[in-house]
PDB file of all heavy atoms in Angstrom:
ATOM      1  N   ALA A   1      -3.219   1.684 -22.811  1.00  0.00           N
ATOM      2  CA  ALA A   1      -3.523   1.742 -24.203  1.00  0.00           C
ATOM      3  C   ALA A   1      -2.178   1.906 -25.002  1.00  0.00           C
ATOM      4  O   ALA A   1      -2.027   1.261 -26.049  1.00  0.00           O
ATOM      5  CB  ALA A   1      -4.431   2.882 -24.540  1.00  0.00           C
ATOM      6  N   ARG A   2      -1.288   2.732 -24.531  1.00  0.00           N
ATOM      7  CA  ARG A   2      -0.062   2.967 -25.241  1.00  0.00           C
ATOM      8  C   ARG A   2       0.839   1.678 -25.175  1.00  0.00           C
ATOM      9  O   ARG A   2       1.428   1.314 -26.157  1.00  0.00           O
ATOM     10  CB  ARG A   2       0.727   4.161 -24.639  1.00  0.00           C
ATOM     11  CG  ARG A   2       2.030   4.440 -25.415  1.00  0.00           C
ATOM     12  CD  ARG A   2       1.770   4.907 -26.804  1.00  0.00           C
ATOM     13  NE  ARG A   2       3.023   5.200 -27.480  1.00  0.00           N
ATOM     14  CZ  ARG A   2       3.251   4.922 -28.742  1.00  0.00           C
ATOM     15  NH1 ARG A   2       2.393   4.290 -29.479  1.00  0.00           N
ATOM     16  NH2 ARG A   2       4.417   5.239 -29.232  1.00  0.00           N
ATOM     17  N   LEU A   3       0.877   1.047 -23.999  1.00  0.00           N
ATOM     18  CA  LEU A   3       1.601  -0.195 -23.910  1.00  0.00           C
ATOM     19  C   LEU A   3       1.028  -1.224 -24.875  1.00  0.00           C
ATOM     20  O   LEU A   3       1.819  -1.885 -25.595  1.00  0.00           O
ATOM     21  CB  LEU A   3       1.526  -0.735 -22.435  1.00  0.00           C
ATOM     22  CG  LEU A   3       2.120  -2.117 -22.204  1.00  0.00           C
ATOM     23  CD1 LEU A   3       3.585  -2.150 -22.536  1.00  0.00           C
ATOM     24  CD2 LEU A   3       1.858  -2.522 -20.733  1.00  0.00           C
ATOM     25  N   GLU A   4      -0.223  -1.367 -24.943  1.00  0.00           N
ATOM     26  CA  GLU A   4      -0.847  -2.335 -25.873  1.00  0.00           C
ATOM     27  C   GLU A   4      -0.500  -1.990 -27.306  1.00  0.00           C
ATOM     28  O   GLU A   4      -0.212  -2.894 -28.105  1.00  0.00           O
ATOM     29  CB  GLU A   4      -2.345  -2.342 -25.636  1.00  0.00           C
ATOM     30  CG  GLU A   4      -3.081  -3.386 -26.541  1.00  0.00           C
ATOM     31  CD  GLU A   4      -4.588  -3.360 -26.302  1.00  0.00           C
ATOM     32  OE1 GLU A   4      -5.027  -2.947 -25.182  1.00  0.00           O
ATOM     33  OE2 GLU A   4      -5.295  -3.766 -27.250  1.00  0.00           O
ATOM     34  N   SER A   5      -0.553  -0.750 -27.674  1.00  0.00           N
ATOM     35  CA  SER A   5      -0.256  -0.295 -29.042  1.00  0.00           C
ATOM     36  C   SER A   5       1.164  -0.621 -29.410  1.00  0.00           C
ATOM     37  O   SER A   5       1.435  -1.175 -30.484  1.00  0.00           O
ATOM     38  CB  SER A   5      -0.518   1.242 -29.145  1.00  0.00           C
ATOM     39  OG  SER A   5      -0.025   1.693 -30.353  1.00  0.00           O
ATOM     40  N   LEU A   6       2.116  -0.363 -28.525  1.00  0.00           N
ATOM     41  CA  LEU A   6       3.510  -0.640 -28.777  1.00  0.00           C
ATOM     42  C   LEU A   6       3.745  -2.135 -28.882  1.00  0.00           C
ATOM     43  O   LEU A   6       4.516  -2.620 -29.747  1.00  0.00           O
ATOM     44  CB  LEU A   6       4.403  -0.041 -27.674  1.00  0.00           C
ATOM     45  CG  LEU A   6       4.541   1.457 -27.679  1.00  0.00           C
ATOM     46  CD1 LEU A   6       5.074   1.966 -26.340  1.00  0.00           C
ATOM     47  CD2 LEU A   6       5.368   1.949 -28.806  1.00  0.00           C
ATOM     48  N   ARG A   7       3.077  -2.921 -28.087  1.00  0.00           N
ATOM     49  CA  ARG A   7       3.318  -4.418 -28.077  1.00  0.00           C
ATOM     50  C   ARG A   7       2.671  -4.960 -29.375  1.00  0.00           C
ATOM     51  O   ARG A   7       3.272  -5.827 -30.003  1.00  0.00           O
ATOM     52  CB  ARG A   7       2.658  -5.050 -26.862  1.00  0.00           C
ATOM     53  CG  ARG A   7       3.432  -4.593 -25.606  1.00  0.00           C
ATOM     54  CD  ARG A   7       3.143  -5.435 -24.443  1.00  0.00           C
ATOM     55  NE  ARG A   7       3.701  -6.765 -24.653  1.00  0.00           N
ATOM     56  CZ  ARG A   7       3.223  -7.840 -24.069  1.00  0.00           C
ATOM     57  NH1 ARG A   7       2.213  -7.783 -23.211  1.00  0.00           N
ATOM     58  NH2 ARG A   7       3.760  -9.013 -24.265  1.00  0.00           N
ATOM     59  N   LYS A   8       1.531  -4.434 -29.797  1.00  0.00           N
ATOM     60  CA  LYS A   8       0.915  -4.890 -31.101  1.00  0.00           C
ATOM     61  C   LYS A   8       1.806  -4.548 -32.290  1.00  0.00           C
ATOM     62  O   LYS A   8       1.796  -5.316 -33.272  1.00  0.00           O
ATOM     63  CB  LYS A   8      -0.450  -4.239 -31.265  1.00  0.00           C
ATOM     64  CG  LYS A   8      -1.518  -4.927 -30.432  1.00  0.00           C
ATOM     65  CD  LYS A   8      -2.896  -4.370 -30.712  1.00  0.00           C
ATOM     66  CE  LYS A   8      -3.967  -5.066 -29.879  1.00  0.00           C
ATOM     67  NZ  LYS A   8      -5.278  -4.512 -30.056  1.00  0.00           N
ATOM     68  N   ALA A   9       2.581  -3.473 -32.170  1.00  0.00           N
ATOM     69  CA  ALA A   9       3.471  -3.029 -33.214  1.00  0.00           C
ATOM     70  C   ALA A   9       4.750  -3.860 -33.209  1.00  0.00           C
ATOM     71  O   ALA A   9       5.624  -3.703 -34.080  1.00  0.00           O
ATOM     72  CB  ALA A   9       3.802  -1.590 -33.084  1.00  0.00           C
ATOM     73  N   GLY A  10       4.941  -4.756 -32.202  1.00  0.00           N
ATOM     74  CA  GLY A  10       6.129  -5.598 -32.128  1.00  0.00           C
ATOM     75  C   GLY A  10       7.334  -4.957 -31.506  1.00  0.00           C
ATOM     76  O   GLY A  10       8.443  -5.471 -31.666  1.00  0.00           O
ATOM     77  N   ARG A  11       7.135  -3.746 -30.854  1.00  0.00           N
ATOM     78  CA  ARG A  11       8.282  -3.067 -30.244  1.00  0.00           C
ATOM     79  C   ARG A  11       8.547  -3.621 -28.848  1.00  0.00           C
ATOM     80  O   ARG A  11       7.626  -3.854 -28.116  1.00  0.00           O
ATOM     81  CB  ARG A  11       7.962  -1.588 -30.109  1.00  0.00           C
ATOM     82  CG  ARG A  11       7.900  -0.905 -31.400  1.00  0.00           C
ATOM     83  CD  ARG A  11       8.670   0.341 -31.635  1.00  0.00           C
ATOM     84  NE  ARG A  11       9.631   0.879 -30.737  1.00  0.00           N
ATOM     85  CZ  ARG A  11       9.592   2.188 -30.387  1.00  0.00           C
ATOM     86  NH1 ARG A  11       8.668   2.986 -30.736  1.00  0.00           N
ATOM     87  NH2 ARG A  11      10.576   2.657 -29.600  1.00  0.00           N
ATOM     88  N   PRO A  12       9.827  -3.759 -28.511  1.00  0.00           N
ATOM     89  CA  PRO A  12      10.105  -4.036 -27.119  1.00  0.00           C
ATOM     90  C   PRO A  12       9.787  -2.826 -26.274  1.00  0.00           C
ATOM     91  O   PRO A  12       9.924  -1.631 -26.756  1.00  0.00           O
ATOM     92  CB  PRO A  12      11.627  -4.337 -27.121  1.00  0.00           C
ATOM     93  CG  PRO A  12      12.128  -3.712 -28.382  1.00  0.00           C
ATOM     94  CD  PRO A  12      10.965  -3.638 -29.357  1.00  0.00           C
ATOM     95  N   VAL A  13       9.337  -3.019 -25.093  1.00  0.00           N
ATOM     96  CA  VAL A  13       8.928  -1.896 -24.205  1.00  0.00           C
ATOM     97  C   VAL A  13       9.499  -2.073 -22.786  1.00  0.00           C
ATOM     98  O   VAL A  13       9.364  -3.197 -22.190  1.00  0.00           O
ATOM     99  CB  VAL A  13       7.411  -1.758 -24.104  1.00  0.00           C
ATOM    100  CG1 VAL A  13       6.952  -0.583 -23.297  1.00  0.00           C
ATOM    101  CG2 VAL A  13       6.734  -1.757 -25.500  1.00  0.00           C
ATOM    102  N   PHE A  14      10.087  -1.076 -22.227  1.00  0.00           N
ATOM    103  CA  PHE A  14      10.509  -1.048 -20.871  1.00  0.00           C
ATOM    104  C   PHE A  14       9.591  -0.044 -20.169  1.00  0.00           C
ATOM    105  O   PHE A  14       9.438   1.141 -20.613  1.00  0.00           O
ATOM    106  CB  PHE A  14      11.935  -0.519 -20.784  1.00  0.00           C
ATOM    107  CG  PHE A  14      12.416  -0.405 -19.340  1.00  0.00           C
ATOM    108  CD1 PHE A  14      12.636  -1.505 -18.537  1.00  0.00           C
ATOM    109  CD2 PHE A  14      12.654   0.824 -18.786  1.00  0.00           C
ATOM    110  CE1 PHE A  14      13.089  -1.399 -17.235  1.00  0.00           C
ATOM    111  CE2 PHE A  14      13.118   0.961 -17.487  1.00  0.00           C
ATOM    112  CZ  PHE A  14      13.322  -0.157 -16.671  1.00  0.00           C
ATOM    113  N   VAL A  15       8.911  -0.486 -19.144  1.00  0.00           N
ATOM    114  CA  VAL A  15       7.985   0.314 -18.384  1.00  0.00           C
ATOM    115  C   VAL A  15       8.515   0.413 -16.949  1.00  0.00           C
ATOM    116  O   VAL A  15       8.882  -0.625 -16.361  1.00  0.00           O
ATOM    117  CB  VAL A  15       6.584  -0.309 -18.338  1.00  0.00           C
ATOM    118  CG1 VAL A  15       5.636   0.583 -17.558  1.00  0.00           C
ATOM    119  CG2 VAL A  15       6.033  -0.572 -19.697  1.00  0.00           C
ATOM    120  N   TYR A  16       8.622   1.620 -16.456  1.00  0.00           N
ATOM    121  CA  TYR A  16       8.931   1.721 -15.038  1.00  0.00           C
ATOM    122  C   TYR A  16       7.957   2.672 -14.314  1.00  0.00           C
ATOM    123  O   TYR A  16       7.500   3.672 -14.867  1.00  0.00           O
ATOM    124  CB  TYR A  16      10.374   2.090 -14.788  1.00  0.00           C
ATOM    125  CG  TYR A  16      10.908   3.430 -15.166  1.00  0.00           C
ATOM    126  CD1 TYR A  16      11.014   4.458 -14.241  1.00  0.00           C
ATOM    127  CD2 TYR A  16      11.388   3.657 -16.446  1.00  0.00           C
ATOM    128  CE1 TYR A  16      11.572   5.666 -14.570  1.00  0.00           C
ATOM    129  CE2 TYR A  16      11.880   4.911 -16.821  1.00  0.00           C
ATOM    130  CZ  TYR A  16      12.002   5.896 -15.843  1.00  0.00           C
ATOM    131  OH  TYR A  16      12.532   7.076 -16.203  1.00  0.00           O
ATOM    132  N   PHE A  17       7.615   2.254 -13.129  1.00  0.00           N
ATOM    133  CA  PHE A  17       6.697   3.014 -12.256  1.00  0.00           C
ATOM    134  C   PHE A  17       7.489   3.644 -11.122  1.00  0.00           C
ATOM    135  O   PHE A  17       8.336   2.998 -10.534  1.00  0.00           O
ATOM    136  CB  PHE A  17       5.617   2.107 -11.676  1.00  0.00           C
ATOM    137  CG  PHE A  17       4.667   1.646 -12.758  1.00  0.00           C
ATOM    138  CD1 PHE A  17       4.983   0.478 -13.471  1.00  0.00           C
ATOM    139  CD2 PHE A  17       3.520   2.300 -13.067  1.00  0.00           C
ATOM    140  CE1 PHE A  17       4.139  -0.001 -14.448  1.00  0.00           C
ATOM    141  CE2 PHE A  17       2.705   1.857 -14.061  1.00  0.00           C
ATOM    142  CZ  PHE A  17       3.006   0.722 -14.772  1.00  0.00           C
ATOM    143  N   THR A  18       7.312   4.893 -10.908  1.00  0.00           N
ATOM    144  CA  THR A  18       8.106   5.697 -10.015  1.00  0.00           C
ATOM    145  C   THR A  18       7.206   6.691  -9.265  1.00  0.00           C
ATOM    146  O   THR A  18       5.979   6.830  -9.587  1.00  0.00           O
ATOM    147  CB  THR A  18       9.204   6.446 -10.793  1.00  0.00           C
ATOM    148  OG1 THR A  18      10.072   7.168  -9.849  1.00  0.00           O
ATOM    149  CG2 THR A  18       8.620   7.395 -11.808  1.00  0.00           C
ATOM    150  N   ALA A  19       7.724   7.423  -8.387  1.00  0.00           N
ATOM    151  CA  ALA A  19       7.041   8.470  -7.646  1.00  0.00           C
ATOM    152  C   ALA A  19       8.063   9.463  -7.122  1.00  0.00           C
ATOM    153  O   ALA A  19       9.172   9.124  -6.754  1.00  0.00           O
ATOM    154  CB  ALA A  19       6.202   7.916  -6.465  1.00  0.00           C
ATOM    155  N   ASP A  20       7.728  10.714  -7.091  1.00  0.00           N
ATOM    156  CA  ASP A  20       8.641  11.781  -6.632  1.00  0.00           C
ATOM    157  C   ASP A  20       9.074  11.539  -5.204  1.00  0.00           C
ATOM    158  O   ASP A  20      10.185  11.916  -4.842  1.00  0.00           O
ATOM    159  CB  ASP A  20       7.987  13.154  -6.800  1.00  0.00           C
ATOM    160  CG  ASP A  20       8.026  13.651  -8.229  1.00  0.00           C
ATOM    161  OD1 ASP A  20       8.653  13.006  -9.097  1.00  0.00           O
ATOM    162  OD2 ASP A  20       7.404  14.694  -8.471  1.00  0.00           O
ATOM    163  N   TRP A  21       8.220  10.961  -4.375  1.00  0.00           N
ATOM    164  CA  TRP A  21       8.525  10.734  -2.992  1.00  0.00           C
ATOM    165  C   TRP A  21       9.289   9.447  -2.740  1.00  0.00           C
ATOM    166  O   TRP A  21       9.695   9.174  -1.592  1.00  0.00           O
ATOM    167  CB  TRP A  21       7.238  10.754  -2.134  1.00  0.00           C
ATOM    168  CG  TRP A  21       6.163   9.994  -2.733  1.00  0.00           C
ATOM    169  CD1 TRP A  21       5.030  10.433  -3.418  1.00  0.00           C
ATOM    170  CD2 TRP A  21       5.993   8.529  -2.727  1.00  0.00           C
ATOM    171  NE1 TRP A  21       4.261   9.418  -3.822  1.00  0.00           N
ATOM    172  CE2 TRP A  21       4.767   8.211  -3.385  1.00  0.00           C
ATOM    173  CE3 TRP A  21       6.714   7.461  -2.190  1.00  0.00           C
ATOM    174  CZ2 TRP A  21       4.330   6.914  -3.560  1.00  0.00           C
ATOM    175  CZ3 TRP A  21       6.238   6.177  -2.363  1.00  0.00           C
ATOM    176  CH2 TRP A  21       5.061   5.935  -3.043  1.00  0.00           C
ATOM    177  N   CYS A  22       9.543   8.622  -3.738  1.00  0.00           N
ATOM    178  CA  CYS A  22      10.195   7.378  -3.615  1.00  0.00           C
ATOM    179  C   CYS A  22      11.739   7.481  -3.806  1.00  0.00           C
ATOM    180  O   CYS A  22      12.212   7.603  -4.920  1.00  0.00           O
ATOM    181  CB  CYS A  22       9.640   6.366  -4.617  1.00  0.00           C
ATOM    182  SG  CYS A  22      10.498   4.796  -4.659  1.00  0.00           S
ATOM    183  N   LEU A  23      12.471   7.467  -2.731  1.00  0.00           N
ATOM    184  CA  LEU A  23      13.940   7.654  -2.758  1.00  0.00           C
ATOM    185  C   LEU A  23      14.559   6.487  -3.580  1.00  0.00           C
ATOM    186  O   LEU A  23      15.439   6.761  -4.409  1.00  0.00           O
ATOM    187  CB  LEU A  23      14.507   7.755  -1.371  1.00  0.00           C
ATOM    188  CG  LEU A  23      16.015   7.922  -1.285  1.00  0.00           C
ATOM    189  CD1 LEU A  23      16.419   9.237  -1.962  1.00  0.00           C
ATOM    190  CD2 LEU A  23      16.475   7.933   0.176  1.00  0.00           C
ATOM    191  N   THR A  24      14.127   5.291  -3.363  1.00  0.00           N
ATOM    192  CA  THR A  24      14.685   4.165  -4.084  1.00  0.00           C
ATOM    193  C   THR A  24      14.492   4.358  -5.587  1.00  0.00           C
ATOM    194  O   THR A  24      15.416   4.135  -6.403  1.00  0.00           O
ATOM    195  CB  THR A  24      14.057   2.871  -3.628  1.00  0.00           C
ATOM    196  OG1 THR A  24      14.246   2.698  -2.224  1.00  0.00           O
ATOM    197  CG2 THR A  24      14.619   1.649  -4.404  1.00  0.00           C
ATOM    198  N   CYS A  25      13.292   4.814  -5.983  1.00  0.00           N
ATOM    199  CA  CYS A  25      13.016   5.046  -7.421  1.00  0.00           C
ATOM    200  C   CYS A  25      13.995   6.053  -7.977  1.00  0.00           C
ATOM    201  O   CYS A  25      14.611   5.838  -9.089  1.00  0.00           O
ATOM    202  CB  CYS A  25      11.630   5.585  -7.564  1.00  0.00           C
ATOM    203  SG  CYS A  25      10.264   4.528  -7.011  1.00  0.00           S
ATOM    204  N   LYS A  26      14.184   7.177  -7.296  1.00  0.00           N
ATOM    205  CA  LYS A  26      15.015   8.231  -7.829  1.00  0.00           C
ATOM    206  C   LYS A  26      16.482   7.830  -7.899  1.00  0.00           C
ATOM    207  O   LYS A  26      17.167   8.137  -8.895  1.00  0.00           O
ATOM    208  CB  LYS A  26      14.871   9.535  -6.940  1.00  0.00           C
ATOM    209  CG  LYS A  26      13.487  10.067  -6.978  1.00  0.00           C
ATOM    210  CD  LYS A  26      13.050  10.373  -8.433  1.00  0.00           C
ATOM    211  CE  LYS A  26      11.575  10.539  -8.622  1.00  0.00           C
ATOM    212  NZ  LYS A  26      11.191  10.543 -10.015  1.00  0.00           N
ATOM    213  N   VAL A  27      16.950   7.063  -6.920  1.00  0.00           N
ATOM    214  CA  VAL A  27      18.338   6.596  -6.971  1.00  0.00           C
ATOM    215  C   VAL A  27      18.482   5.624  -8.130  1.00  0.00           C
ATOM    216  O   VAL A  27      19.466   5.754  -8.903  1.00  0.00           O
ATOM    217  CB  VAL A  27      18.745   5.933  -5.635  1.00  0.00           C
ATOM    218  CG1 VAL A  27      20.086   5.188  -5.767  1.00  0.00           C
ATOM    219  CG2 VAL A  27      18.807   6.980  -4.494  1.00  0.00           C
ATOM    220  N   ASN A  28      17.553   4.739  -8.339  1.00  0.00           N
ATOM    221  CA  ASN A  28      17.647   3.740  -9.424  1.00  0.00           C
ATOM    222  C   ASN A  28      17.612   4.475 -10.805  1.00  0.00           C
ATOM    223  O   ASN A  28      18.340   4.103 -11.734  1.00  0.00           O
ATOM    224  CB  ASN A  28      16.527   2.739  -9.353  1.00  0.00           C
ATOM    225  CG  ASN A  28      16.670   1.760  -8.226  1.00  0.00           C
ATOM    226  OD1 ASN A  28      17.710   1.627  -7.576  1.00  0.00           O
ATOM    227  ND2 ASN A  28      15.581   1.072  -7.928  1.00  0.00           N
ATOM    228  N   GLU A  29      16.779   5.503 -10.916  1.00  0.00           N
ATOM    229  CA  GLU A  29      16.699   6.243 -12.161  1.00  0.00           C
ATOM    230  C   GLU A  29      18.041   6.907 -12.482  1.00  0.00           C
ATOM    231  O   GLU A  29      18.515   6.813 -13.592  1.00  0.00           O
ATOM    232  CB  GLU A  29      15.594   7.265 -12.034  1.00  0.00           C
ATOM    233  CG  GLU A  29      14.210   6.685 -12.092  1.00  0.00           C
ATOM    234  CD  GLU A  29      13.131   7.610 -11.579  1.00  0.00           C
ATOM    235  OE1 GLU A  29      13.286   8.870 -11.645  1.00  0.00           O
ATOM    236  OE2 GLU A  29      12.098   7.065 -11.103  1.00  0.00           O
ATOM    237  N   LYS A  30      18.596   7.603 -11.511  1.00  0.00           N
ATOM    238  CA  LYS A  30      19.850   8.329 -11.730  1.00  0.00           C
ATOM    239  C   LYS A  30      21.059   7.347 -11.947  1.00  0.00           C
ATOM    240  O   LYS A  30      21.925   7.650 -12.736  1.00  0.00           O
ATOM    241  CB  LYS A  30      20.142   9.276 -10.591  1.00  0.00           C
ATOM    242  CG  LYS A  30      19.170  10.353 -10.445  1.00  0.00           C
ATOM    243  CD  LYS A  30      18.991  11.202 -11.695  1.00  0.00           C
ATOM    244  CE  LYS A  30      17.943  12.252 -11.535  1.00  0.00           C
ATOM    245  NZ  LYS A  30      17.378  12.687 -12.794  1.00  0.00           N
ATOM    246  N   ALA A  31      21.041   6.243 -11.250  1.00  0.00           N
ATOM    247  CA  ALA A  31      22.181   5.297 -11.344  1.00  0.00           C
ATOM    248  C   ALA A  31      22.116   4.327 -12.523  1.00  0.00           C
ATOM    249  O   ALA A  31      23.164   3.885 -12.985  1.00  0.00           O
ATOM    250  CB  ALA A  31      22.319   4.522  -9.988  1.00  0.00           C
ATOM    251  N   ALA A  32      20.919   3.965 -12.929  1.00  0.00           N
ATOM    252  CA  ALA A  32      20.785   2.917 -13.939  1.00  0.00           C
ATOM    253  C   ALA A  32      19.912   3.227 -15.142  1.00  0.00           C
ATOM    254  O   ALA A  32      20.255   2.830 -16.230  1.00  0.00           O
ATOM    255  CB  ALA A  32      20.300   1.656 -13.255  1.00  0.00           C
ATOM    256  N   ILE A  33      18.830   3.876 -14.936  1.00  0.00           N
ATOM    257  CA  ILE A  33      17.889   4.068 -16.048  1.00  0.00           C
ATOM    258  C   ILE A  33      18.190   5.263 -16.903  1.00  0.00           C
ATOM    259  O   ILE A  33      18.205   5.177 -18.131  1.00  0.00           O
ATOM    260  CB  ILE A  33      16.443   4.084 -15.480  1.00  0.00           C
ATOM    261  CG1 ILE A  33      16.104   2.767 -14.750  1.00  0.00           C
ATOM    262  CG2 ILE A  33      15.474   4.332 -16.581  1.00  0.00           C
ATOM    263  CD1 ILE A  33      14.783   2.783 -13.974  1.00  0.00           C
ATOM    264  N   GLU A  34      18.373   6.396 -16.256  1.00  0.00           N
ATOM    265  CA  GLU A  34      18.561   7.667 -16.997  1.00  0.00           C
ATOM    266  C   GLU A  34      20.034   7.912 -17.202  1.00  0.00           C
ATOM    267  O   GLU A  34      20.508   9.000 -16.991  1.00  0.00           O
ATOM    268  CB  GLU A  34      17.886   8.796 -16.222  1.00  0.00           C
ATOM    269  CG  GLU A  34      16.376   8.618 -16.140  1.00  0.00           C
ATOM    270  CD  GLU A  34      15.703   9.653 -15.257  1.00  0.00           C
ATOM    271  OE1 GLU A  34      16.433  10.514 -14.690  1.00  0.00           O
ATOM    272  OE2 GLU A  34      14.494   9.509 -15.072  1.00  0.00           O
ATOM    273  N   THR A  35      20.717   6.891 -17.757  1.00  0.00           N
ATOM    274  CA  THR A  35      22.167   7.077 -18.037  1.00  0.00           C
ATOM    275  C   THR A  35      22.316   7.027 -19.589  1.00  0.00           C
ATOM    276  O   THR A  35      21.499   6.501 -20.319  1.00  0.00           O
ATOM    277  CB  THR A  35      22.992   5.962 -17.450  1.00  0.00           C
ATOM    278  OG1 THR A  35      22.645   4.717 -18.052  1.00  0.00           O
ATOM    279  CG2 THR A  35      22.767   5.879 -15.928  1.00  0.00           C
ATOM    280  N   ASP A  36      23.429   7.597 -20.034  1.00  0.00           N
ATOM    281  CA  ASP A  36      23.735   7.531 -21.484  1.00  0.00           C
ATOM    282  C   ASP A  36      23.854   6.087 -21.995  1.00  0.00           C
ATOM    283  O   ASP A  36      23.373   5.797 -23.147  1.00  0.00           O
ATOM    284  CB  ASP A  36      25.041   8.300 -21.772  1.00  0.00           C
ATOM    285  CG  ASP A  36      24.905   9.793 -21.557  1.00  0.00           C
ATOM    286  OD1 ASP A  36      23.734  10.300 -21.578  1.00  0.00           O
ATOM    287  OD2 ASP A  36      25.947  10.473 -21.336  1.00  0.00           O
ATOM    288  N   THR A  37      24.418   5.208 -21.222  1.00  0.00           N
ATOM    289  CA  THR A  37      24.629   3.801 -21.597  1.00  0.00           C
ATOM    290  C   THR A  37      23.252   3.165 -21.830  1.00  0.00           C
ATOM    291  O   THR A  37      23.002   2.414 -22.815  1.00  0.00           O
ATOM    292  CB  THR A  37      25.453   3.028 -20.559  1.00  0.00           C
ATOM    293  OG1 THR A  37      26.651   3.696 -20.382  1.00  0.00           O
ATOM    294  CG2 THR A  37      25.633   1.597 -20.936  1.00  0.00           C
ATOM    295  N   THR A  38      22.347   3.355 -20.900  1.00  0.00           N
ATOM    296  CA  THR A  38      20.980   2.758 -20.973  1.00  0.00           C
ATOM    297  C   THR A  38      20.191   3.362 -22.135  1.00  0.00           C
ATOM    298  O   THR A  38      19.576   2.615 -22.925  1.00  0.00           O
ATOM    299  CB  THR A  38      20.217   2.947 -19.676  1.00  0.00           C
ATOM    300  OG1 THR A  38      20.954   2.288 -18.640  1.00  0.00           O
ATOM    301  CG2 THR A  38      18.844   2.297 -19.747  1.00  0.00           C
ATOM    302  N   ARG A  39      20.290   4.644 -22.274  1.00  0.00           N
ATOM    303  CA  ARG A  39      19.575   5.326 -23.410  1.00  0.00           C
ATOM    304  C   ARG A  39      20.123   4.774 -24.713  1.00  0.00           C
ATOM    305  O   ARG A  39      19.350   4.506 -25.668  1.00  0.00           O
ATOM    306  CB  ARG A  39      19.786   6.817 -23.352  1.00  0.00           C
ATOM    307  CG  ARG A  39      18.936   7.491 -22.319  1.00  0.00           C
ATOM    308  CD  ARG A  39      19.012   9.054 -22.450  1.00  0.00           C
ATOM    309  NE  ARG A  39      18.525   9.653 -21.298  1.00  0.00           N
ATOM    310  CZ  ARG A  39      19.264  10.152 -20.284  1.00  0.00           C
ATOM    311  NH1 ARG A  39      20.555  10.159 -20.371  1.00  0.00           N
ATOM    312  NH2 ARG A  39      18.699  10.736 -19.269  1.00  0.00           N
ATOM    313  N   ALA A  40      21.435   4.619 -24.846  1.00  0.00           N
ATOM    314  CA  ALA A  40      22.022   4.107 -26.099  1.00  0.00           C
ATOM    315  C   ALA A  40      21.557   2.654 -26.348  1.00  0.00           C
ATOM    316  O   ALA A  40      21.262   2.310 -27.519  1.00  0.00           O
ATOM    317  CB  ALA A  40      23.530   4.202 -26.007  1.00  0.00           C
ATOM    318  N   ALA A  41      21.514   1.842 -25.322  1.00  0.00           N
ATOM    319  CA  ALA A  41      21.086   0.449 -25.506  1.00  0.00           C
ATOM    320  C   ALA A  41      19.612   0.448 -25.972  1.00  0.00           C
ATOM    321  O   ALA A  41      19.239  -0.398 -26.798  1.00  0.00           O
ATOM    322  CB  ALA A  41      21.298  -0.348 -24.229  1.00  0.00           C
ATOM    323  N   PHE A  42      18.789   1.230 -25.330  1.00  0.00           N
ATOM    324  CA  PHE A  42      17.355   1.282 -25.699  1.00  0.00           C
ATOM    325  C   PHE A  42      17.226   1.750 -27.126  1.00  0.00           C
ATOM    326  O   PHE A  42      16.450   1.169 -27.974  1.00  0.00           O
ATOM    327  CB  PHE A  42      16.567   2.156 -24.780  1.00  0.00           C
ATOM    328  CG  PHE A  42      16.293   1.579 -23.420  1.00  0.00           C
ATOM    329  CD1 PHE A  42      15.876   2.371 -22.374  1.00  0.00           C
ATOM    330  CD2 PHE A  42      16.427   0.240 -23.130  1.00  0.00           C
ATOM    331  CE1 PHE A  42      15.577   1.873 -21.084  1.00  0.00           C
ATOM    332  CE2 PHE A  42      16.131  -0.267 -21.888  1.00  0.00           C
ATOM    333  CZ  PHE A  42      15.711   0.511 -20.863  1.00  0.00           C
ATOM    334  N   ALA A  43      18.017   2.733 -27.513  1.00  0.00           N
ATOM    335  CA  ALA A  43      17.887   3.279 -28.863  1.00  0.00           C
ATOM    336  C   ALA A  43      18.398   2.268 -29.879  1.00  0.00           C
ATOM    337  O   ALA A  43      17.790   2.038 -30.922  1.00  0.00           O
ATOM    338  CB  ALA A  43      18.716   4.567 -28.992  1.00  0.00           C
ATOM    339  N   ALA A  44      19.475   1.536 -29.568  1.00  0.00           N
ATOM    340  CA  ALA A  44      20.027   0.517 -30.475  1.00  0.00           C
ATOM    341  C   ALA A  44      19.067  -0.611 -30.725  1.00  0.00           C
ATOM    342  O   ALA A  44      19.104  -1.244 -31.760  1.00  0.00           O
ATOM    343  CB  ALA A  44      21.344   0.013 -29.906  1.00  0.00           C
TER     344      ALA A  44
END
């Protein structure tokens, strides 16, 4: 529902699916997603 709402509003959306037990997920989050550079690009 939230994804649909954001898309109807014309906002770009990045969705990622993760799990606490997923080592690949956690490494990707720390190395690429949850970085200052990525946050700044998303905000901009």
